[in-house]
Amino acid sequence: MICERIRETRERNGLTQAALAKKLGVTRSAVNSWEIGISAPSVQYLIELCKLFKVSADYLLELSSNETVDISFLDD
């Protein structure tokens, strides 16, 4: 679930819930709620999480196990 991916990705990036909340401009309790599955981040915060952690939305939403999107097959 997204709650687990947010927590795992936050921890892998060495951030506390409070530090992540500060970067996103939300409360620590909001981040905690996302991580325990009480609520989910809005689309705006999902995008911010993807940018901050440099992962795809598919990864955070557990639609893919790949953190990034492979574009090596695309032409210029």
PDB file of N, CA and C in Angstrom:
ATOM      1  N   MET A   1       0.827  -1.184   0.000  1.00  0.00           N
ATOM      2  CA  MET A   1       0.000   0.000   0.000  1.00  0.00           C
ATOM      3  C   MET A   1       0.878   1.256   0.000  1.00  0.00           C
ATOM      4  N   ILE A   2       0.288   2.365  -0.410  1.00  0.00           N
ATOM      5  CA  ILE A   2       1.036   3.616  -0.484  1.00  0.00           C
ATOM      6  C   ILE A   2       1.629   3.994   0.870  1.00  0.00           C
ATOM      7  N   CYS A   3       0.922   3.652   1.950  1.00  0.00           N
ATOM      8  CA  CYS A   3       1.424   4.010   3.278  1.00  0.00           C
ATOM      9  C   CYS A   3       2.791   3.381   3.537  1.00  0.00           C
ATOM     10  N   GLU A   4       2.951   2.136   3.149  1.00  0.00           N
ATOM     11  CA  GLU A   4       4.224   1.446   3.355  1.00  0.00           C
ATOM     12  C   GLU A   4       5.317   2.023   2.468  1.00  0.00           C
ATOM     13  N   ARG A   5       4.968   2.340   1.226  1.00  0.00           N
ATOM     14  CA  ARG A   5       5.968   2.896   0.302  1.00  0.00           C
ATOM     15  C   ARG A   5       6.452   4.268   0.764  1.00  0.00           C
ATOM     16  N   ILE A   6       5.541   5.085   1.275  1.00  0.00           N
ATOM     17  CA  ILE A   6       5.952   6.406   1.763  1.00  0.00           C
ATOM     18  C   ILE A   6       6.931   6.243   2.925  1.00  0.00           C
ATOM     19  N   ARG A   7       6.586   5.390   3.868  1.00  0.00           N
ATOM     20  CA  ARG A   7       7.457   5.169   5.032  1.00  0.00           C
ATOM     21  C   ARG A   7       8.812   4.616   4.622  1.00  0.00           C
ATOM     22  N   GLU A   8       8.813   3.583   3.786  1.00  0.00           N
ATOM     23  CA  GLU A   8      10.068   2.970   3.350  1.00  0.00           C
ATOM     24  C   GLU A   8      10.944   3.968   2.606  1.00  0.00           C
ATOM     25  N   THR A   9      10.336   4.741   1.733  1.00  0.00           N
ATOM     26  CA  THR A   9      11.090   5.697   0.934  1.00  0.00           C
ATOM     27  C   THR A   9      11.610   6.834   1.814  1.00  0.00           C
ATOM     28  N   ARG A  10      10.793   7.290   2.741  1.00  0.00           N
ATOM     29  CA  ARG A  10      11.232   8.335   3.682  1.00  0.00           C
ATOM     30  C   ARG A  10      12.424   7.853   4.483  1.00  0.00           C
ATOM     31  N   GLU A  11      12.329   6.659   5.046  1.00  0.00           N
ATOM     32  CA  GLU A  11      13.412   6.118   5.860  1.00  0.00           C
ATOM     33  C   GLU A  11      14.675   5.896   5.034  1.00  0.00           C
ATOM     34  N   ARG A  12      14.524   5.399   3.825  1.00  0.00           N
ATOM     35  CA  ARG A  12      15.675   5.170   2.948  1.00  0.00           C
ATOM     36  C   ARG A  12      16.395   6.482   2.631  1.00  0.00           C
ATOM     37  N   ASN A  13      15.645   7.578   2.629  1.00  0.00           N
ATOM     38  CA  ASN A  13      16.230   8.888   2.363  1.00  0.00           C
ATOM     39  C   ASN A  13      16.678   9.590   3.647  1.00  0.00           C
ATOM     40  N   GLY A  14      16.619   8.894   4.761  1.00  0.00           N
ATOM     41  CA  GLY A  14      17.140   9.416   6.015  1.00  0.00           C
ATOM     42  C   GLY A  14      16.347  10.567   6.610  1.00  0.00           C
ATOM     43  N   LEU A  15      15.045  10.594   6.365  1.00  0.00           N
ATOM     44  CA  LEU A  15      14.199  11.664   6.886  1.00  0.00           C
ATOM     45  C   LEU A  15      13.298  11.151   7.991  1.00  0.00           C
ATOM     46  N   THR A  16      13.095  11.980   8.993  1.00  0.00           N
ATOM     47  CA  THR A  16      12.086  11.693  10.007  1.00  0.00           C
ATOM     48  C   THR A  16      10.739  12.155   9.465  1.00  0.00           C
ATOM     49  N   GLN A  17       9.671  11.766  10.138  1.00  0.00           N
ATOM     50  CA  GLN A  17       8.352  12.256   9.735  1.00  0.00           C
ATOM     51  C   GLN A  17       8.305  13.781   9.830  1.00  0.00           C
ATOM     52  N   ALA A  18       8.911  14.329  10.872  1.00  0.00           N
ATOM     53  CA  ALA A  18       8.913  15.784  11.058  1.00  0.00           C
ATOM     54  C   ALA A  18       9.689  16.486   9.943  1.00  0.00           C
ATOM     55  N   ALA A  19      10.818  15.913   9.543  1.00  0.00           N
ATOM     56  CA  ALA A  19      11.627  16.523   8.482  1.00  0.00           C
ATOM     57  C   ALA A  19      10.885  16.477   7.146  1.00  0.00           C
ATOM     58  N   LEU A  20      10.231  15.362   6.861  1.00  0.00           N
ATOM     59  CA  LEU A  20       9.459  15.261   5.622  1.00  0.00           C
ATOM     60  C   LEU A  20       8.297  16.246   5.648  1.00  0.00           C
ATOM     61  N   ALA A  21       7.619  16.335   6.769  1.00  0.00           N
ATOM     62  CA  ALA A  21       6.493  17.261   6.902  1.00  0.00           C
ATOM     63  C   ALA A  21       6.952  18.694   6.641  1.00  0.00           C
ATOM     64  N   LYS A  22       8.091  19.065   7.175  1.00  0.00           N
ATOM     65  CA  LYS A  22       8.619  20.417   6.986  1.00  0.00           C
ATOM     66  C   LYS A  22       8.912  20.687   5.518  1.00  0.00           C
ATOM     67  N   LYS A  23       9.511  19.712   4.827  1.00  0.00           N
ATOM     68  CA  LYS A  23       9.819  19.876   3.400  1.00  0.00           C
ATOM     69  C   LYS A  23       8.552  20.049   2.568  1.00  0.00           C
ATOM     70  N   LEU A  24       7.485  19.381   2.974  1.00  0.00           N
ATOM     71  CA  LEU A  24       6.228  19.432   2.220  1.00  0.00           C
ATOM     72  C   LEU A  24       5.293  20.549   2.678  1.00  0.00           C
ATOM     73  N   GLY A  25       5.581  21.134   3.836  1.00  0.00           N
ATOM     74  CA  GLY A  25       4.705  22.172   4.363  1.00  0.00           C
ATOM     75  C   GLY A  25       3.410  21.632   4.947  1.00  0.00           C
ATOM     76  N   VAL A  26       3.501  20.432   5.521  1.00  0.00           N
ATOM     77  CA  VAL A  26       2.347  19.823   6.192  1.00  0.00           C
ATOM     78  C   VAL A  26       2.748  19.510   7.626  1.00  0.00           C
ATOM     79  N   THR A  27       1.812  19.047   8.411  1.00  0.00           N
ATOM     80  CA  THR A  27       2.121  18.686   9.792  1.00  0.00           C
ATOM     81  C   THR A  27       2.724  17.278   9.846  1.00  0.00           C
ATOM     82  N   ARG A  28       3.443  17.003  10.941  1.00  0.00           N
ATOM     83  CA  ARG A  28       3.992  15.674  11.130  1.00  0.00           C
ATOM     84  C   ARG A  28       2.866  14.659  11.266  1.00  0.00           C
ATOM     85  N   SER A  29       1.755  15.082  11.860  1.00  0.00           N
ATOM     86  CA  SER A  29       0.628  14.158  12.016  1.00  0.00           C
ATOM     87  C   SER A  29       0.017  13.797  10.661  1.00  0.00           C
ATOM     88  N   ALA A  30       0.101  14.702   9.677  1.00  0.00           N
ATOM     89  CA  ALA A  30      -0.384  14.377   8.328  1.00  0.00           C
ATOM     90  C   ALA A  30       0.467  13.273   7.726  1.00  0.00           C
ATOM     91  N   VAL A  31       1.783  13.405   7.852  1.00  0.00           N
ATOM     92  CA  VAL A  31       2.692  12.367   7.340  1.00  0.00           C
ATOM     93  C   VAL A  31       2.442  11.060   8.076  1.00  0.00           C
ATOM     94  N   ASN A  32       2.279  11.119   9.387  1.00  0.00           N
ATOM     95  CA  ASN A  32       1.994   9.917  10.162  1.00  0.00           C
ATOM     96  C   ASN A  32       0.701   9.256   9.687  1.00  0.00           C
ATOM     97  N   SER A  33      -0.324  10.059   9.425  1.00  0.00           N
ATOM     98  CA  SER A  33      -1.601   9.515   8.937  1.00  0.00           C
ATOM     99  C   SER A  33      -1.435   8.817   7.596  1.00  0.00           C
ATOM    100  N   TRP A  34      -0.609   9.393   6.718  1.00  0.00           N
ATOM    101  CA  TRP A  34      -0.344   8.749   5.423  1.00  0.00           C
ATOM    102  C   TRP A  34       0.345   7.406   5.635  1.00  0.00           C
ATOM    103  N   GLU A  35       1.308   7.380   6.566  1.00  0.00           N
ATOM    104  CA  GLU A  35       2.119   6.180   6.769  1.00  0.00           C
ATOM    105  C   GLU A  35       1.383   5.053   7.486  1.00  0.00           C
ATOM    106  N   ILE A  36       0.370   5.375   8.257  1.00  0.00           N
ATOM    107  CA  ILE A  36      -0.386   4.304   8.922  1.00  0.00           C
ATOM    108  C   ILE A  36      -1.699   4.007   8.214  1.00  0.00           C
ATOM    109  N   GLY A  37      -1.948   4.696   7.105  1.00  0.00           N
ATOM    110  CA  GLY A  37      -3.097   4.378   6.269  1.00  0.00           C
ATOM    111  C   GLY A  37      -4.409   5.008   6.685  1.00  0.00           C
ATOM    112  N   ILE A  38      -4.373   5.982   7.576  1.00  0.00           N
ATOM    113  CA  ILE A  38      -5.605   6.669   7.967  1.00  0.00           C
ATOM    114  C   ILE A  38      -6.085   7.570   6.836  1.00  0.00           C
ATOM    115  N   SER A  39      -5.135   8.186   6.157  1.00  0.00           N
ATOM    116  CA  SER A  39      -5.460   9.041   5.014  1.00  0.00           C
ATOM    117  C   SER A  39      -4.386   8.843   3.952  1.00  0.00           C
ATOM    118  N   ALA A  40      -4.614   9.441   2.811  1.00  0.00           N
ATOM    119  CA  ALA A  40      -3.645   9.358   1.712  1.00  0.00           C
ATOM    120  C   ALA A  40      -3.313  10.779   1.282  1.00  0.00           C
ATOM    121  N   PRO A  41      -2.102  10.981   0.774  1.00  0.00           N
ATOM    122  CA  PRO A  41      -1.746  12.320   0.315  1.00  0.00           C
ATOM    123  C   PRO A  41      -2.594  12.722  -0.886  1.00  0.00           C
ATOM    124  N   SER A  42      -2.878  14.012  -0.971  1.00  0.00           N
ATOM    125  CA  SER A  42      -3.593  14.522  -2.145  1.00  0.00           C
ATOM    126  C   SER A  42      -2.702  14.374  -3.367  1.00  0.00           C
ATOM    127  N   VAL A  43      -3.267  14.575  -4.521  1.00  0.00           N
ATOM    128  CA  VAL A  43      -2.485  14.497  -5.762  1.00  0.00           C
ATOM    129  C   VAL A  43      -1.318  15.483  -5.712  1.00  0.00           C
ATOM    130  N   GLN A  44      -1.559  16.663  -5.192  1.00  0.00           N
ATOM    131  CA  GLN A  44      -0.508  17.679  -5.067  1.00  0.00           C
ATOM    132  C   GLN A  44       0.666  17.140  -4.257  1.00  0.00           C
ATOM    133  N   TYR A  45       0.383  16.521  -3.115  1.00  0.00           N
ATOM    134  CA  TYR A  45       1.455  16.006  -2.272  1.00  0.00           C
ATOM    135  C   TYR A  45       2.065  14.728  -2.836  1.00  0.00           C
ATOM    136  N   LEU A  46       1.296  13.952  -3.552  1.00  0.00           N
ATOM    137  CA  LEU A  46       1.849  12.785  -4.225  1.00  0.00           C
ATOM    138  C   LEU A  46       2.909  13.234  -5.228  1.00  0.00           C
ATOM    139  N   ILE A  47       2.614  14.270  -5.985  1.00  0.00           N
ATOM    140  CA  ILE A  47       3.576  14.811  -6.946  1.00  0.00           C
ATOM    141  C   ILE A  47       4.813  15.329  -6.220  1.00  0.00           C
ATOM    142  N   GLU A  48       4.608  16.043  -5.123  1.00  0.00           N
ATOM    143  CA  GLU A  48       5.737  16.572  -4.349  1.00  0.00           C
ATOM    144  C   GLU A  48       6.604  15.447  -3.790  1.00  0.00           C
ATOM    145  N   LEU A  49       5.966  14.380  -3.314  1.00  0.00           N
ATOM    146  CA  LEU A  49       6.715  13.227  -2.815  1.00  0.00           C
ATOM    147  C   LEU A  49       7.557  12.597  -3.926  1.00  0.00           C
ATOM    148  N   CYS A  50       6.964  12.461  -5.111  1.00  0.00           N
ATOM    149  CA  CYS A  50       7.689  11.890  -6.246  1.00  0.00           C
ATOM    150  C   CYS A  50       8.906  12.739  -6.604  1.00  0.00           C
ATOM    151  N   LYS A  51       8.716  14.041  -6.639  1.00  0.00           N
ATOM    152  CA  LYS A  51       9.826  14.947  -6.952  1.00  0.00           C
ATOM    153  C   LYS A  51      10.907  14.882  -5.880  1.00  0.00           C
ATOM    154  N   LEU A  52      10.500  14.938  -4.630  1.00  0.00           N
ATOM    155  CA  LEU A  52      11.438  14.934  -3.525  1.00  0.00           C
ATOM    156  C   LEU A  52      12.269  13.651  -3.488  1.00  0.00           C
ATOM    157  N   PHE A  53      11.602  12.520  -3.640  1.00  0.00           N
ATOM    158  CA  PHE A  53      12.279  11.234  -3.548  1.00  0.00           C
ATOM    159  C   PHE A  53      12.813  10.729  -4.890  1.00  0.00           C
ATOM    160  N   LYS A  54      12.482  11.456  -5.961  1.00  0.00           N
ATOM    161  CA  LYS A  54      12.908  11.068  -7.316  1.00  0.00           C
ATOM    162  C   LYS A  54      12.448   9.651  -7.661  1.00  0.00           C
ATOM    163  N   VAL A  55      11.152   9.419  -7.436  1.00  0.00           N
ATOM    164  CA  VAL A  55      10.528   8.140  -7.778  1.00  0.00           C
ATOM    165  C   VAL A  55       9.273   8.421  -8.591  1.00  0.00           C
ATOM    166  N   SER A  56       8.781   7.400  -9.267  1.00  0.00           N
ATOM    167  CA  SER A  56       7.563   7.560 -10.052  1.00  0.00           C
ATOM    168  C   SER A  56       6.329   7.429  -9.151  1.00  0.00           C
ATOM    169  N   ALA A  57       5.238   8.000  -9.600  1.00  0.00           N
ATOM    170  CA  ALA A  57       3.973   7.855  -8.878  1.00  0.00           C
ATOM    171  C   ALA A  57       3.547   6.388  -8.881  1.00  0.00           C
ATOM    172  N   ASP A  58       3.809   5.682  -9.971  1.00  0.00           N
ATOM    173  CA  ASP A  58       3.488   4.253 -10.020  1.00  0.00           C
ATOM    174  C   ASP A  58       4.185   3.497  -8.890  1.00  0.00           C
ATOM    175  N   TYR A  59       5.417   3.880  -8.588  1.00  0.00           N
ATOM    176  CA  TYR A  59       6.151   3.226  -7.508  1.00  0.00           C
ATOM    177  C   TYR A  59       5.480   3.496  -6.161  1.00  0.00           C
ATOM    178  N   LEU A  60       5.187   4.765  -5.871  1.00  0.00           N
ATOM    179  CA  LEU A  60       4.560   5.089  -4.584  1.00  0.00           C
ATOM    180  C   LEU A  60       3.178   4.467  -4.455  1.00  0.00           C
ATOM    181  N   LEU A  61       2.452   4.369  -5.562  1.00  0.00           N
ATOM    182  CA  LEU A  61       1.111   3.791  -5.541  1.00  0.00           C
ATOM    183  C   LEU A  61       1.125   2.273  -5.631  1.00  0.00           C
ATOM    184  N   GLU A  62       2.326   1.697  -5.691  1.00  0.00           N
ATOM    185  CA  GLU A  62       2.545   0.258  -5.794  1.00  0.00           C
ATOM    186  C   GLU A  62       1.922  -0.352  -7.049  1.00  0.00           C
ATOM    187  N   LEU A  63       1.937   0.425  -8.122  1.00  0.00           N
ATOM    188  CA  LEU A  63       1.515  -0.108  -9.412  1.00  0.00           C
ATOM    189  C   LEU A  63       2.695  -0.709 -10.142  1.00  0.00           C
ATOM    190  N   SER A  64       3.887  -0.414  -9.641  1.00  0.00           N
ATOM    191  CA  SER A  64       5.121  -0.917 -10.223  1.00  0.00           C
ATOM    192  C   SER A  64       6.139  -1.089  -9.109  1.00  0.00           C
ATOM    193  N   SER A  65       7.031  -2.044  -9.290  1.00  0.00           N
ATOM    194  CA  SER A  65       8.113  -2.213  -8.315  1.00  0.00           C
ATOM    195  C   SER A  65       9.337  -1.400  -8.711  1.00  0.00           C
ATOM    196  N   ASN A  66       9.293  -0.783  -9.900  1.00  0.00           N
ATOM    197  CA  ASN A  66      10.397   0.058 -10.364  1.00  0.00           C
ATOM    198  C   ASN A  66      10.238   1.462  -9.807  1.00  0.00           C
ATOM    199  N   GLU A  67      11.328   1.999  -9.249  1.00  0.00           N
ATOM    200  CA  GLU A  67      11.262   3.338  -8.679  1.00  0.00           C
ATOM    201  C   GLU A  67      11.184   4.414  -9.757  1.00  0.00           C
ATOM    202  N   THR A  68      11.764   4.143 -10.899  1.00  0.00           N
ATOM    203  CA  THR A  68      11.769   5.123 -11.980  1.00  0.00           C
ATOM    204  C   THR A  68      11.139   4.505 -13.218  1.00  0.00           C
ATOM    205  N   VAL A  69      10.844   5.337 -14.186  1.00  0.00           N
ATOM    206  CA  VAL A  69      10.253   4.884 -15.434  1.00  0.00           C
ATOM    207  C   VAL A  69      11.364   4.706 -16.455  1.00  0.00           C
ATOM    208  N   ASP A  70      11.399   3.556 -17.120  1.00  0.00           N
ATOM    209  CA  ASP A  70      12.405   3.283 -18.140  1.00  0.00           C
ATOM    210  C   ASP A  70      11.998   3.951 -19.445  1.00  0.00           C
ATOM    211  N   ILE A  71      12.810   4.907 -19.899  1.00  0.00           N
ATOM    212  CA  ILE A  71      12.543   5.591 -21.159  1.00  0.00           C
ATOM    213  C   ILE A  71      13.646   5.345 -22.175  1.00  0.00           C
ATOM    214  N   SER A  72      14.482   4.353 -21.908  1.00  0.00           N
ATOM    215  CA  SER A  72      15.636   4.101 -22.772  1.00  0.00           C
ATOM    216  C   SER A  72      15.226   3.718 -24.192  1.00  0.00           C
ATOM    217  N   PHE A  73      14.026   3.246 -24.382  1.00  0.00           N
ATOM    218  CA  PHE A  73      13.565   2.831 -25.704  1.00  0.00           C
ATOM    219  C   PHE A  73      13.040   3.993 -26.537  1.00  0.00           C
ATOM    220  N   LEU A  74      12.906   5.169 -25.964  1.00  0.00           N
ATOM    221  CA  LEU A  74      12.373   6.324 -26.691  1.00  0.00           C
ATOM    222  C   LEU A  74      13.433   6.979 -27.555  1.00  0.00           C
ATOM    223  N   ASP A  75      12.985   7.506 -28.696  1.00  0.00           N
ATOM    224  CA  ASP A  75      13.870   8.256 -29.576  1.00  0.00           C
ATOM    225  C   ASP A  75      13.835   9.717 -29.195  1.00  0.00           C
ATOM    226  N   ASP A  76      14.865  10.447 -29.632  1.00  0.00           N
ATOM    227  CA  ASP A  76      14.884  11.890 -29.404  1.00  0.00           C
ATOM    228  C   ASP A  76      13.774  12.518 -30.172  1.00  0.00           C
TER     229      ASP A  76
END
